[in-house]
Amino acid sequence: MDAIVAKPYGLDQLKKDAYHLEATELEKLIFPLLCQVLNKYHGVNYGKRYWQILLGHWLQRYVNVILNHVKTLDKLLKNHVI
């Protein structure tokens, strides 16, 4: 198979720091909206602390994985002809 393996995204410390900051800001934007949607869907009025305990770690992991995939694909499409 004639293929090129692309280098992974964000291995140096500066990119890791910028990536972490971007992921944190994205979580801060998404979390209040997620709380509203979940409260409305379930017909409850739980506070952000409740949802943070229940879903906080999951949301953090999810945002990090999705952001990493997006950044990797963006770098791939910029640097290689597909």
N, C-alpha and C. Protein backbone atom coordinates (compact mmCIF):
# COMPACT_ATOMS: atom_id res chain seq x y z
N MET A 1 0.84 -1.17 0.00
CA MET A 1 0.00 0.00 0.00
C MET A 1 0.89 1.24 0.00
N ASP A 2 0.62 2.16 -0.88
CA ASP A 2 1.40 3.38 -0.99
C ASP A 2 0.72 4.47 -0.15
N ALA A 3 1.20 4.63 1.08
CA ALA A 3 0.55 5.59 1.99
C ALA A 3 1.60 6.36 2.79
N ILE A 4 1.19 7.52 3.27
CA ILE A 4 2.03 8.33 4.14
C ILE A 4 1.33 8.41 5.49
N VAL A 5 2.08 8.15 6.54
CA VAL A 5 1.52 8.26 7.89
C VAL A 5 1.81 9.66 8.40
N ALA A 6 0.76 10.40 8.70
CA ALA A 6 0.90 11.78 9.17
C ALA A 6 1.38 11.79 10.61
N LYS A 7 2.12 12.83 10.95
CA LYS A 7 2.59 12.99 12.33
C LYS A 7 1.40 13.40 13.21
N PRO A 8 1.41 12.98 14.47
CA PRO A 8 0.30 13.33 15.36
C PRO A 8 0.29 14.82 15.68
N TYR A 9 -0.89 15.31 16.05
CA TYR A 9 -1.06 16.72 16.35
C TYR A 9 -0.67 17.03 17.80
N GLY A 10 0.00 18.15 18.00
CA GLY A 10 0.20 18.71 19.32
C GLY A 10 1.14 17.97 20.25
N LEU A 11 2.32 17.62 19.79
CA LEU A 11 3.25 16.94 20.67
C LEU A 11 4.13 17.90 21.47
N ASP A 12 4.34 19.11 20.98
CA ASP A 12 5.19 20.03 21.75
C ASP A 12 4.38 20.74 22.84
N GLN A 13 5.06 21.23 23.85
CA GLN A 13 4.39 21.76 25.03
C GLN A 13 3.55 23.01 24.73
N LEU A 14 4.00 23.87 23.82
CA LEU A 14 3.23 25.07 23.49
C LEU A 14 1.88 24.71 22.87
N LYS A 15 1.89 23.74 21.99
CA LYS A 15 0.63 23.30 21.38
C LYS A 15 -0.27 22.63 22.41
N LYS A 16 0.31 21.86 23.32
CA LYS A 16 -0.48 21.22 24.36
C LYS A 16 -1.16 22.25 25.25
N ASP A 17 -0.42 23.31 25.61
CA ASP A 17 -0.99 24.36 26.45
C ASP A 17 -2.11 25.11 25.73
N ALA A 18 -1.89 25.45 24.47
CA ALA A 18 -2.92 26.15 23.69
C ALA A 18 -4.13 25.25 23.48
N TYR A 19 -3.88 23.98 23.25
CA TYR A 19 -4.95 23.00 23.06
C TYR A 19 -5.80 22.88 24.32
N HIS A 20 -5.13 22.80 25.47
CA HIS A 20 -5.85 22.68 26.74
C HIS A 20 -6.70 23.92 27.01
N LEU A 21 -6.16 25.09 26.73
CA LEU A 21 -6.91 26.33 26.92
C LEU A 21 -8.13 26.38 26.01
N GLU A 22 -7.96 25.98 24.76
CA GLU A 22 -9.08 25.97 23.81
C GLU A 22 -10.16 24.97 24.24
N ALA A 23 -9.74 23.80 24.69
CA ALA A 23 -10.70 22.79 25.14
C ALA A 23 -11.47 23.28 26.36
N THR A 24 -10.78 23.94 27.29
CA THR A 24 -11.44 24.47 28.49
C THR A 24 -12.46 25.54 28.13
N GLU A 25 -12.10 26.43 27.21
CA GLU A 25 -13.04 27.48 26.79
C GLU A 25 -14.25 26.88 26.09
N LEU A 26 -14.02 25.87 25.29
CA LEU A 26 -15.13 25.20 24.60
C LEU A 26 -16.07 24.52 25.59
N GLU A 27 -15.51 23.89 26.61
CA GLU A 27 -16.33 23.27 27.66
C GLU A 27 -17.18 24.32 28.37
N LYS A 28 -16.59 25.47 28.66
CA LYS A 28 -17.32 26.55 29.34
C LYS A 28 -18.49 27.05 28.51
N LEU A 29 -18.35 27.01 27.19
CA LEU A 29 -19.45 27.42 26.30
C LEU A 29 -20.54 26.35 26.22
N ILE A 30 -20.13 25.11 26.16
CA ILE A 30 -21.07 24.02 25.94
C ILE A 30 -21.83 23.66 27.21
N PHE A 31 -21.17 23.68 28.35
CA PHE A 31 -21.77 23.14 29.58
C PHE A 31 -23.09 23.80 29.98
N PRO A 32 -23.20 25.14 30.01
CA PRO A 32 -24.50 25.73 30.39
C PRO A 32 -25.63 25.34 29.42
N LEU A 33 -25.31 25.26 28.15
CA LEU A 33 -26.32 24.85 27.16
C LEU A 33 -26.74 23.41 27.39
N LEU A 34 -25.77 22.56 27.69
CA LEU A 34 -26.07 21.16 27.95
C LEU A 34 -26.97 21.03 29.19
N CYS A 35 -26.70 21.82 30.23
CA CYS A 35 -27.54 21.79 31.43
C CYS A 35 -28.98 22.18 31.12
N GLN A 36 -29.15 23.22 30.34
CA GLN A 36 -30.50 23.66 29.97
C GLN A 36 -31.24 22.59 29.19
N VAL A 37 -30.57 22.01 28.22
CA VAL A 37 -31.19 20.99 27.38
C VAL A 37 -31.57 19.76 28.21
N LEU A 38 -30.68 19.33 29.07
CA LEU A 38 -30.96 18.15 29.89
C LEU A 38 -32.08 18.41 30.89
N ASN A 39 -32.09 19.58 31.50
CA ASN A 39 -33.18 19.91 32.43
C ASN A 39 -34.53 19.93 31.71
N LYS A 40 -34.55 20.53 30.53
CA LYS A 40 -35.80 20.60 29.76
C LYS A 40 -36.24 19.20 29.32
N TYR A 41 -35.31 18.42 28.84
CA TYR A 41 -35.63 17.08 28.35
C TYR A 41 -36.19 16.20 29.47
N HIS A 42 -35.59 16.28 30.65
CA HIS A 42 -36.00 15.43 31.77
C HIS A 42 -37.09 16.05 32.63
N GLY A 43 -37.46 17.31 32.33
CA GLY A 43 -38.51 17.97 33.10
C GLY A 43 -38.12 18.24 34.54
N VAL A 44 -36.85 18.58 34.74
CA VAL A 44 -36.33 18.87 36.08
C VAL A 44 -35.67 20.24 36.08
N ASN A 45 -35.22 20.68 37.24
CA ASN A 45 -34.53 21.96 37.34
C ASN A 45 -33.29 21.80 38.22
N TYR A 46 -32.41 20.90 37.84
CA TYR A 46 -31.18 20.68 38.59
C TYR A 46 -30.19 21.78 38.27
N GLY A 47 -29.35 22.08 39.25
CA GLY A 47 -28.34 23.11 39.08
C GLY A 47 -27.12 22.61 38.32
N LYS A 48 -26.26 23.55 37.98
CA LYS A 48 -25.05 23.20 37.23
C LYS A 48 -24.15 22.26 38.02
N ARG A 49 -24.14 22.40 39.35
CA ARG A 49 -23.31 21.53 40.18
C ARG A 49 -23.74 20.06 40.04
N TYR A 50 -25.03 19.83 40.00
CA TYR A 50 -25.55 18.47 39.82
C TYR A 50 -25.04 17.88 38.51
N TRP A 51 -25.20 18.63 37.44
CA TRP A 51 -24.79 18.14 36.13
C TRP A 51 -23.27 18.03 36.04
N GLN A 52 -22.54 18.90 36.75
CA GLN A 52 -21.08 18.83 36.75
C GLN A 52 -20.62 17.52 37.39
N ILE A 53 -21.24 17.16 38.51
CA ILE A 53 -20.89 15.91 39.18
C ILE A 53 -21.23 14.72 38.30
N LEU A 54 -22.38 14.78 37.67
CA LEU A 54 -22.86 13.65 36.87
C LEU A 54 -22.14 13.51 35.53
N LEU A 55 -21.90 14.65 34.84
CA LEU A 55 -21.40 14.60 33.47
C LEU A 55 -20.07 15.32 33.22
N GLY A 56 -19.54 15.98 34.24
CA GLY A 56 -18.37 16.83 34.03
C GLY A 56 -17.18 16.11 33.40
N HIS A 57 -16.83 14.96 33.95
CA HIS A 57 -15.67 14.24 33.42
C HIS A 57 -15.93 13.74 32.00
N TRP A 58 -17.14 13.24 31.77
CA TRP A 58 -17.49 12.76 30.43
C TRP A 58 -17.38 13.89 29.42
N LEU A 59 -17.92 15.07 29.76
CA LEU A 59 -17.88 16.20 28.83
C LEU A 59 -16.45 16.62 28.55
N GLN A 60 -15.63 16.64 29.57
CA GLN A 60 -14.23 17.02 29.39
C GLN A 60 -13.53 16.05 28.44
N ARG A 61 -13.71 14.77 28.64
CA ARG A 61 -13.10 13.76 27.76
C ARG A 61 -13.63 13.87 26.33
N TYR A 62 -14.95 14.05 26.21
CA TYR A 62 -15.59 14.14 24.90
C TYR A 62 -15.06 15.34 24.12
N VAL A 63 -15.01 16.49 24.77
CA VAL A 63 -14.51 17.71 24.11
C VAL A 63 -13.06 17.53 23.70
N ASN A 64 -12.25 16.94 24.56
CA ASN A 64 -10.84 16.73 24.23
C ASN A 64 -10.66 15.80 23.04
N VAL A 65 -11.42 14.73 23.00
CA VAL A 65 -11.31 13.78 21.88
C VAL A 65 -11.76 14.41 20.57
N ILE A 66 -12.92 15.06 20.59
CA ILE A 66 -13.44 15.68 19.37
C ILE A 66 -12.51 16.79 18.89
N LEU A 67 -12.02 17.62 19.80
CA LEU A 67 -11.11 18.71 19.42
C LEU A 67 -9.81 18.15 18.85
N ASN A 68 -9.31 17.07 19.44
CA ASN A 68 -8.10 16.46 18.91
C ASN A 68 -8.31 15.93 17.51
N HIS A 69 -9.45 15.29 17.27
CA HIS A 69 -9.74 14.77 15.93
C HIS A 69 -9.87 15.90 14.91
N VAL A 70 -10.53 16.97 15.30
CA VAL A 70 -10.70 18.11 14.39
C VAL A 70 -9.35 18.72 14.06
N LYS A 71 -8.51 18.93 15.07
CA LYS A 71 -7.19 19.53 14.84
C LYS A 71 -6.31 18.61 14.00
N THR A 72 -6.38 17.33 14.24
CA THR A 72 -5.59 16.38 13.47
C THR A 72 -6.03 16.38 12.01
N LEU A 73 -7.33 16.34 11.77
CA LEU A 73 -7.83 16.37 10.39
C LEU A 73 -7.50 17.69 9.69
N ASP A 74 -7.60 18.80 10.42
CA ASP A 74 -7.25 20.10 9.85
C ASP A 74 -5.79 20.14 9.43
N LYS A 75 -4.92 19.66 10.29
CA LYS A 75 -3.48 19.62 9.96
C LYS A 75 -3.23 18.69 8.78
N LEU A 76 -3.88 17.57 8.77
CA LEU A 76 -3.73 16.59 7.70
C LEU A 76 -4.15 17.19 6.35
N LEU A 77 -5.31 17.85 6.34
CA LEU A 77 -5.81 18.41 5.07
C LEU A 77 -4.97 19.58 4.58
N LYS A 78 -4.36 20.31 5.50
CA LYS A 78 -3.49 21.43 5.10
C LYS A 78 -2.14 20.97 4.56
N ASN A 79 -1.65 19.85 5.08
CA ASN A 79 -0.29 19.41 4.75
C ASN A 79 -0.19 18.30 3.71
N HIS A 80 -1.33 17.68 3.38
CA HIS A 80 -1.27 16.54 2.46
C HIS A 80 -2.40 16.63 1.43
N VAL A 81 -2.13 16.13 0.26
CA VAL A 81 -3.14 16.07 -0.79
C VAL A 81 -3.83 14.71 -0.67
N ILE A 82 -5.15 14.76 -0.59
CA ILE A 82 -5.90 13.51 -0.44
C ILE A 82 -6.71 13.25 -1.68
